[in-house]
Amino acid sequence: MSIRERKLKDGTRVFDAVLEYGKKPDGTRDRQVKTFGTRKEAEAEEKRAAIIRRALKSRTGRITLGFYVERYYWPITSRRLEATSLDTYRTELDKRILPNLGDVNLDDIDRLKIQAMIDTCNTESVARKALGLLKTILNEAVGDGFMASNPALARYALPKKGRKRDNGLILSDFDEIGQFVAQVQNDAPEAITRLVMSGLLLGLRPEERYALNHEDFDFANGTVTINGAYVVASSTHGGNQMKSPKTELSQRTIPMPQAFIDWFYWDASGEGAWIVGNNGRLSPSTGRKMWNRYLDAHPDLPRVTLENMRHSFATSCLQAGMNVEDLSRILGHSDINTTFRRYVKPDLKNMRRSVAVIPYPD
């Protein structure tokens, strides 16, 4: 290691510390150059690098969690994760794990410090997500020989459950859906009309709608096959990605209602992407913006989100008397209990109707 003094164009003196950490996990040389404003700062960093190098060589664990994540865990993990997961992991690291534990040596991380991190989380779901990622990281550190055991595997006191996310307004029966659809068909752009029809009359998830191709529709049998999901690949890295459906049962063939067939039949001969924008298949971000602009221009319409069209479809199907098992298959739920939890709501009017069938004793 060495320290080099140099002048910037404006005459400012800086000091470059050439730091050697040993070997990376892939066997290549782990070398880094950092610039400091004073020689004292450069020398301090040089000493820190020497400590880290000795720790890495002997696996004593005297390196911080932050150093381990950035130099060992993240370079490997970022190569195998999909972009959507990459953003989620990075958020958990930057918001919760590293601010609380980043400067703590690996072998100094204990239950008290982890509980302190959990206590900064507002809800149970947030805490579970952060704790789950920490478990994964520390498992890797144990496997690499930096820790003897993983303290994140212990039991912890989690915060209370947060309020369930409000997905917005829903249309509760097919009369409401019919009025809504009629307005959209009257003056909405074609891409918007297709997003609405496939959400309110087929119950598809937004990502399933964007992924549809003309070839997925079978008018001879009156069915549509859901083969994929088109999603934003990464809010950080940009782009879109075609993926498999959410679960194994999400890849499915479902019947199309006659109202959908009658509306769409005239365009049955198309090819390729079914919902298109200016440059081919419509992107999810563009579709969301187009829909919000349409709602802004029609303040008289119920403000139903693209996500909640699926909820409107499910609720209306149940109101119309559809069997819950059939609805679960149409929605592509992997577990019928998901359908019950999300869509079967106690309704006094329906309960009165059910109670009315109980015979009066003679």
Protein backbone atom coordinates (compact mmCIF):
# COMPACT_ATOMS: atom_id res chain seq x y z
CA MET A 1 0.00 0.00 0.00
CA SER A 2 1.14 3.56 -0.61
CA ILE A 3 0.04 7.17 -0.41
CA ARG A 4 0.58 9.53 -3.34
CA GLU A 5 0.31 13.29 -3.15
CA ARG A 6 -0.93 15.22 -6.20
CA LYS A 7 -2.40 18.59 -7.19
CA LEU A 8 -5.76 19.17 -8.79
CA LYS A 9 -6.23 21.69 -11.60
CA ASP A 10 -7.34 24.34 -9.12
CA GLY A 11 -4.14 23.84 -7.10
CA THR A 12 -5.73 21.85 -4.28
CA ARG A 13 -3.51 19.15 -2.81
CA VAL A 14 -5.03 15.69 -2.37
CA PHE A 15 -3.68 12.32 -1.23
CA ASP A 16 -4.45 9.05 -3.00
CA ALA A 17 -4.29 5.95 -0.81
CA VAL A 18 -3.72 2.73 -2.74
CA LEU A 19 -5.45 0.12 -0.57
CA GLU A 20 -4.92 -3.64 -0.78
CA TYR A 21 -7.58 -5.89 0.80
CA GLY A 22 -6.30 -9.25 -0.42
CA LYS A 23 -8.39 -11.42 -2.74
CA LYS A 24 -12.01 -11.12 -3.85
CA PRO A 25 -14.31 -14.18 -3.67
CA ASP A 26 -13.58 -14.87 -7.35
CA GLY A 27 -9.83 -14.95 -6.65
CA THR A 28 -8.95 -11.64 -8.29
CA ARG A 29 -6.91 -8.94 -6.58
CA ASP A 30 -8.96 -6.70 -4.28
CA ARG A 31 -7.37 -3.29 -4.79
CA GLN A 32 -8.93 0.15 -4.39
CA VAL A 33 -7.76 3.76 -4.64
CA LYS A 34 -9.37 6.37 -2.38
CA THR A 35 -8.67 10.11 -2.38
CA PHE A 36 -8.47 12.26 0.79
CA GLY A 37 -7.98 15.90 1.57
CA THR A 38 -5.20 15.33 4.11
CA ARG A 39 -2.35 12.85 4.52
CA LYS A 40 -3.61 12.04 8.02
CA GLU A 41 -6.96 10.85 6.65
CA ALA A 42 -5.20 8.77 3.99
CA GLU A 43 -2.92 7.17 6.60
CA ALA A 44 -5.90 6.34 8.83
CA GLU A 45 -7.65 4.63 5.94
CA GLU A 46 -4.45 2.77 5.09
CA LYS A 47 -4.31 1.40 8.65
CA ARG A 48 -7.98 0.40 8.46
CA ALA A 49 -7.36 -1.44 5.20
CA ALA A 50 -4.45 -3.33 6.80
CA ILE A 51 -6.73 -4.48 9.64
CA ILE A 52 -9.36 -5.59 7.16
CA ARG A 53 -6.75 -7.43 5.08
CA ARG A 54 -5.54 -9.35 8.13
CA ALA A 55 -9.15 -10.13 9.09
CA LEU A 56 -9.93 -11.42 5.63
CA LYS A 57 -6.82 -13.56 5.63
CA SER A 58 -7.43 -15.11 9.05
CA ARG A 59 -11.26 -14.97 8.95
CA THR A 60 -11.31 -13.42 12.44
CA GLY A 61 -14.52 -11.56 11.70
CA ARG A 62 -13.08 -8.15 12.53
CA ILE A 63 -14.67 -6.53 9.53
CA THR A 64 -17.89 -4.56 9.52
CA LEU A 65 -21.17 -5.75 8.12
CA GLY A 66 -21.10 -2.82 5.69
CA PHE A 67 -17.71 -3.83 4.31
CA TYR A 68 -18.77 -7.47 4.00
CA VAL A 69 -21.97 -6.52 2.15
CA GLU A 70 -20.33 -4.16 -0.33
CA ARG A 71 -17.18 -6.21 -1.02
CA TYR A 72 -18.47 -9.78 -0.71
CA TYR A 73 -22.24 -10.24 -0.52
CA TRP A 74 -23.55 -7.61 -2.94
CA PRO A 75 -21.22 -8.23 -5.93
CA ILE A 76 -22.22 -11.89 -6.02
CA THR A 77 -25.90 -11.40 -5.19
CA SER A 78 -26.40 -8.64 -7.76
CA ARG A 79 -25.33 -11.02 -10.53
CA ARG A 80 -27.96 -13.64 -9.73
CA LEU A 81 -30.96 -11.52 -8.74
CA GLU A 82 -33.61 -10.24 -11.12
CA ALA A 83 -33.74 -6.47 -11.39
CA THR A 84 -37.03 -6.21 -9.47
CA SER A 85 -35.57 -8.14 -6.51
CA LEU A 86 -32.35 -6.15 -6.78
CA ASP A 87 -34.21 -2.91 -6.08
CA THR A 88 -36.02 -4.46 -3.10
CA TYR A 89 -32.81 -5.81 -1.56
CA ARG A 90 -31.01 -2.51 -2.09
CA THR A 91 -33.83 -0.59 -0.43
CA GLU A 92 -33.73 -2.82 2.66
CA LEU A 93 -29.96 -2.48 2.88
CA ASP A 94 -29.88 1.29 2.50
CA LYS A 95 -32.92 2.14 4.64
CA ARG A 96 -32.73 -0.31 7.51
CA ILE A 97 -29.84 -2.78 7.69
CA LEU A 98 -26.76 -0.68 6.94
CA PRO A 99 -27.84 2.48 8.84
CA ASN A 100 -28.28 0.36 11.98
CA LEU A 101 -25.60 -2.33 11.62
CA GLY A 102 -23.29 -1.26 8.81
CA ASP A 103 -20.50 -0.03 11.11
CA VAL A 104 -20.71 -3.02 13.49
CA ASN A 105 -18.07 -5.75 13.23
CA LEU A 106 -19.55 -9.05 12.13
CA ASP A 107 -18.60 -10.90 15.30
CA ASP A 108 -20.08 -8.08 17.42
CA ILE A 109 -23.56 -8.41 15.93
CA ASP A 110 -25.83 -9.91 18.58
CA ARG A 111 -29.52 -10.17 19.46
CA LEU A 112 -29.61 -6.78 21.18
CA LYS A 113 -28.25 -4.96 18.14
CA ILE A 114 -30.58 -6.81 15.79
CA GLN A 115 -33.56 -6.07 18.04
CA ALA A 116 -32.56 -2.40 17.98
CA MET A 117 -32.71 -2.49 14.18
CA ILE A 118 -36.13 -4.16 14.29
CA ASP A 119 -37.38 -1.49 16.68
CA THR A 120 -36.77 1.16 14.00
CA CYS A 121 -39.31 -0.57 11.70
CA ASN A 122 -42.86 0.76 11.81
CA THR A 123 -44.75 -2.44 10.99
CA GLU A 124 -44.39 -6.19 11.26
CA SER A 125 -44.17 -6.70 7.50
CA VAL A 126 -41.33 -4.17 7.18
CA ALA A 127 -39.46 -5.77 10.10
CA ARG A 128 -39.86 -9.28 8.67
CA LYS A 129 -38.50 -8.18 5.31
CA ALA A 130 -35.42 -6.54 6.85
CA LEU A 131 -34.82 -9.44 9.23
CA GLY A 132 -35.19 -11.96 6.40
CA LEU A 133 -32.53 -10.25 4.29
CA LEU A 134 -30.22 -9.92 7.31
CA LYS A 135 -30.56 -13.68 7.95
CA THR A 136 -29.52 -14.36 4.37
CA ILE A 137 -26.49 -12.07 4.57
CA LEU A 138 -25.28 -13.45 7.88
CA ASN A 139 -25.75 -17.02 6.64
CA GLU A 140 -23.35 -16.15 3.83
CA ALA A 141 -20.92 -14.65 6.35
CA VAL A 142 -21.06 -17.85 8.41
CA GLY A 143 -20.42 -19.88 5.27
CA ASP A 144 -17.45 -17.66 4.39
CA GLY A 145 -15.96 -18.25 7.83
CA PHE A 146 -16.38 -14.76 9.26
CA MET A 147 -18.94 -15.76 11.92
CA ALA A 148 -19.45 -18.88 14.02
CA SER A 149 -23.25 -18.64 14.07
CA ASN A 150 -26.10 -16.49 12.77
CA PRO A 151 -27.76 -14.41 15.53
CA ALA A 152 -30.54 -13.32 13.13
CA LEU A 153 -32.02 -16.83 13.40
CA ALA A 154 -33.15 -16.16 16.97
CA ARG A 155 -36.70 -15.07 17.86
CA TYR A 156 -37.40 -11.34 18.03
CA ALA A 157 -40.17 -9.05 19.20
CA LEU A 158 -41.74 -7.58 16.08
CA PRO A 159 -43.80 -4.39 15.84
CA LYS A 160 -47.56 -4.51 15.40
CA LYS A 161 -49.10 -5.28 12.05
CA GLY A 162 -49.67 -2.21 9.91
CA ARG A 163 -52.88 -1.22 8.21
CA LYS A 164 -53.61 -3.16 5.07
CA ARG A 165 -52.96 -1.22 1.91
CA ASP A 166 -56.06 0.41 0.50
CA ASN A 167 -56.19 -0.53 -3.16
CA GLY A 168 -58.77 2.16 -3.83
CA LEU A 169 -62.37 2.14 -4.97
CA ILE A 170 -63.99 -0.99 -6.37
CA LEU A 171 -67.09 -1.49 -8.51
CA SER A 172 -69.28 -3.95 -6.62
CA ASP A 173 -71.51 -5.41 -9.35
CA PHE A 174 -71.70 -5.84 -13.11
CA ASP A 175 -74.25 -3.03 -13.50
CA GLU A 176 -71.63 -0.58 -12.25
CA ILE A 177 -68.97 -2.26 -14.39
CA GLY A 178 -71.24 -2.04 -17.45
CA GLN A 179 -71.72 1.72 -17.04
CA PHE A 180 -68.02 2.23 -16.46
CA VAL A 181 -67.01 0.16 -19.50
CA ALA A 182 -69.53 1.96 -21.74
CA GLN A 183 -67.91 5.33 -20.94
CA VAL A 184 -64.40 4.00 -21.57
CA GLN A 185 -65.39 2.40 -24.87
CA ASN A 186 -66.93 5.68 -25.95
CA ASP A 187 -63.88 7.94 -25.78
CA ALA A 188 -60.77 6.23 -24.36
CA PRO A 189 -57.69 5.40 -26.45
CA GLU A 190 -57.61 1.80 -27.69
CA ALA A 191 -54.81 0.79 -25.31
CA ILE A 192 -56.77 2.09 -22.33
CA THR A 193 -59.95 0.36 -23.46
CA ARG A 194 -58.12 -2.96 -23.63
CA LEU A 195 -56.57 -2.48 -20.19
CA VAL A 196 -60.01 -1.80 -18.75
CA MET A 197 -61.86 -4.60 -20.54
CA SER A 198 -59.29 -7.26 -19.62
CA GLY A 199 -59.28 -6.03 -16.03
CA LEU A 200 -63.01 -5.63 -15.40
CA LEU A 201 -64.33 -8.48 -17.59
CA LEU A 202 -61.49 -11.04 -17.34
CA GLY A 203 -60.09 -10.22 -13.88
CA LEU A 204 -56.46 -10.27 -15.01
CA ARG A 205 -53.61 -8.75 -13.04
CA PRO A 206 -52.16 -5.60 -14.71
CA GLU A 207 -48.91 -7.38 -15.59
CA GLU A 208 -50.89 -10.21 -17.21
CA ARG A 209 -52.81 -7.72 -19.36
CA TYR A 210 -49.64 -6.06 -20.66
CA ALA A 211 -48.24 -9.50 -21.57
CA LEU A 212 -51.23 -10.60 -23.70
CA ASN A 213 -50.74 -11.41 -27.38
CA HIS A 214 -53.43 -11.76 -30.03
CA GLU A 215 -52.49 -15.42 -30.30
CA ASP A 216 -53.56 -16.00 -26.68
CA PHE A 217 -57.24 -15.55 -27.63
CA ASP A 218 -59.13 -18.60 -28.93
CA PHE A 219 -62.52 -17.46 -30.25
CA ALA A 220 -63.43 -20.92 -31.49
CA ASN A 221 -63.50 -22.11 -27.88
CA GLY A 222 -64.18 -18.74 -26.24
CA THR A 223 -61.04 -18.80 -24.08
CA VAL A 224 -57.92 -16.76 -23.36
CA THR A 225 -54.63 -18.23 -22.12
CA ILE A 226 -52.42 -16.31 -19.69
CA ASN A 227 -48.80 -17.24 -20.37
CA GLY A 228 -46.74 -14.37 -18.96
CA ALA A 229 -46.40 -11.15 -17.02
CA TYR A 230 -44.91 -7.94 -18.41
CA VAL A 231 -43.43 -5.84 -15.61
CA VAL A 232 -41.15 -2.88 -14.98
CA ALA A 233 -37.77 -4.56 -14.69
CA SER A 234 -36.29 -2.04 -12.26
CA SER A 235 -37.17 1.44 -11.08
CA THR A 236 -33.43 2.10 -10.81
CA HIS A 237 -32.15 0.39 -13.92
CA GLY A 238 -35.17 1.03 -16.15
CA GLY A 239 -36.64 -1.16 -18.85
CA ASN A 240 -39.37 -3.79 -18.85
CA GLN A 241 -39.26 -7.54 -18.56
CA MET A 242 -41.43 -10.46 -19.68
CA LYS A 243 -41.68 -12.98 -16.85
CA SER A 244 -43.60 -16.12 -15.99
CA PRO A 245 -46.97 -15.54 -14.28
CA LYS A 246 -47.00 -14.90 -10.53
CA THR A 247 -47.60 -18.54 -9.50
CA GLU A 248 -47.83 -21.93 -11.19
CA LEU A 249 -51.64 -21.72 -11.25
CA SER A 250 -51.45 -18.21 -12.71
CA GLN A 251 -50.53 -19.80 -16.04
CA ARG A 252 -54.05 -20.72 -17.00
CA THR A 253 -56.74 -20.82 -19.67
CA ILE A 254 -60.02 -19.17 -18.71
CA PRO A 255 -63.37 -18.63 -20.46
CA MET A 256 -64.18 -15.20 -21.86
CA PRO A 257 -67.60 -13.72 -21.01
CA GLN A 258 -69.86 -13.06 -24.00
CA ALA A 259 -69.68 -9.30 -23.44
CA PHE A 260 -65.91 -9.43 -23.93
CA ILE A 261 -66.16 -11.67 -26.99
CA ASP A 262 -68.76 -9.42 -28.64
CA TRP A 263 -66.60 -6.33 -28.08
CA PHE A 264 -63.32 -7.85 -29.20
CA TYR A 265 -64.29 -10.28 -31.95
CA TRP A 266 -63.81 -7.77 -34.75
CA ASP A 267 -60.06 -7.59 -33.96
CA ALA A 268 -59.50 -11.35 -33.64
CA SER A 269 -57.11 -11.54 -36.58
CA GLY A 270 -54.28 -9.42 -35.15
CA GLU A 271 -50.77 -10.64 -34.28
CA GLY A 272 -48.22 -9.93 -31.59
CA ALA A 273 -48.75 -7.67 -28.56
CA TRP A 274 -52.42 -7.05 -27.80
CA ILE A 275 -51.96 -3.77 -25.91
CA VAL A 276 -49.56 -1.50 -27.77
CA GLY A 277 -48.10 1.97 -27.41
CA ASN A 278 -46.01 4.13 -29.72
CA ASN A 279 -43.06 1.74 -29.67
CA GLY A 280 -44.61 -1.70 -29.59
CA ARG A 281 -45.94 -3.41 -26.45
CA LEU A 282 -47.29 -0.83 -24.00
CA SER A 283 -45.05 -0.45 -20.95
CA PRO A 284 -46.64 -0.67 -17.47
CA SER A 285 -45.43 2.81 -16.50
CA THR A 286 -46.89 4.37 -19.65
CA GLY A 287 -50.16 2.51 -19.16
CA ARG A 288 -50.48 3.79 -15.59
CA LYS A 289 -49.83 7.38 -16.68
CA MET A 290 -52.35 7.12 -19.53
CA TRP A 291 -55.00 5.77 -17.18
CA ASN A 292 -54.43 8.48 -14.58
CA ARG A 293 -54.68 11.15 -17.28
CA TYR A 294 -57.94 9.64 -18.51
CA LEU A 295 -59.42 9.65 -14.98
CA ASP A 296 -58.26 13.25 -14.44
CA ALA A 297 -60.13 14.20 -17.62
CA HIS A 298 -63.28 12.40 -16.40
CA PRO A 299 -63.84 13.46 -12.78
CA ASP A 300 -67.38 12.04 -12.92
CA LEU A 301 -66.04 8.49 -13.25
CA PRO A 302 -65.25 6.38 -10.16
CA ARG A 303 -61.48 6.49 -9.63
CA VAL A 304 -60.82 2.77 -10.04
CA THR A 305 -57.14 1.84 -10.26
CA LEU A 306 -55.74 -0.59 -12.80
CA GLU A 307 -54.91 -2.92 -9.91
CA ASN A 308 -58.38 -2.71 -8.41
CA MET A 309 -60.18 -3.61 -11.64
CA ARG A 310 -59.34 -7.21 -10.77
CA HIS A 311 -60.90 -6.72 -7.32
CA SER A 312 -63.99 -5.20 -8.93
CA PHE A 313 -64.28 -8.21 -11.23
CA ALA A 314 -63.97 -10.69 -8.35
CA THR A 315 -66.44 -8.86 -6.11
CA SER A 316 -68.97 -8.58 -8.94
CA CYS A 317 -68.62 -12.28 -9.77
CA LEU A 318 -69.41 -13.20 -6.18
CA GLN A 319 -72.36 -10.79 -6.10
CA ALA A 320 -73.65 -12.49 -9.27
CA GLY A 321 -73.46 -15.89 -7.54
CA MET A 322 -70.30 -17.39 -9.03
CA ASN A 323 -68.86 -20.39 -7.22
CA VAL A 324 -65.80 -19.39 -5.16
CA GLU A 325 -63.78 -22.38 -6.39
CA ASP A 326 -64.38 -21.38 -10.01
CA LEU A 327 -63.53 -17.75 -9.26
CA SER A 328 -60.27 -18.82 -7.62
CA ARG A 329 -59.25 -20.73 -10.76
CA ILE A 330 -60.17 -17.81 -13.02
CA LEU A 331 -58.10 -15.43 -10.88
CA GLY A 332 -55.15 -17.83 -10.89
CA HIS A 333 -54.84 -18.05 -7.11
CA SER A 334 -52.53 -20.78 -5.87
CA ASP A 335 -54.71 -21.22 -2.78
CA ILE A 336 -58.49 -20.85 -2.58
CA ASN A 337 -58.04 -19.32 0.89
CA THR A 338 -56.53 -16.29 -0.86
CA THR A 339 -59.84 -15.82 -2.69
CA PHE A 340 -61.79 -16.11 0.56
CA ARG A 341 -59.55 -13.67 2.44
CA ARG A 342 -59.55 -11.01 -0.26
CA TYR A 343 -62.98 -11.15 -1.80
CA VAL A 344 -65.52 -12.97 0.37
CA LYS A 345 -66.71 -10.20 2.67
CA PRO A 346 -69.53 -10.40 5.21
CA ASP A 347 -72.57 -8.63 3.78
CA LEU A 348 -75.70 -8.13 5.91
CA LYS A 349 -78.02 -8.14 2.89
CA ASN A 350 -76.65 -11.47 1.67
CA MET A 351 -76.70 -12.92 5.17
CA ARG A 352 -80.39 -11.93 5.55
CA ARG A 353 -81.13 -13.67 2.24
CA SER A 354 -79.34 -16.80 3.44
CA VAL A 355 -81.09 -16.81 6.83
CA ALA A 356 -84.46 -16.48 5.08
CA VAL A 357 -84.15 -20.01 3.68
CA ILE A 358 -84.15 -21.52 7.19
CA PRO A 359 -87.62 -23.13 7.61
CA TYR A 360 -89.93 -22.01 10.40
CA PRO A 361 -90.58 -24.96 12.75
CA ASP A 362 -94.10 -26.34 12.68
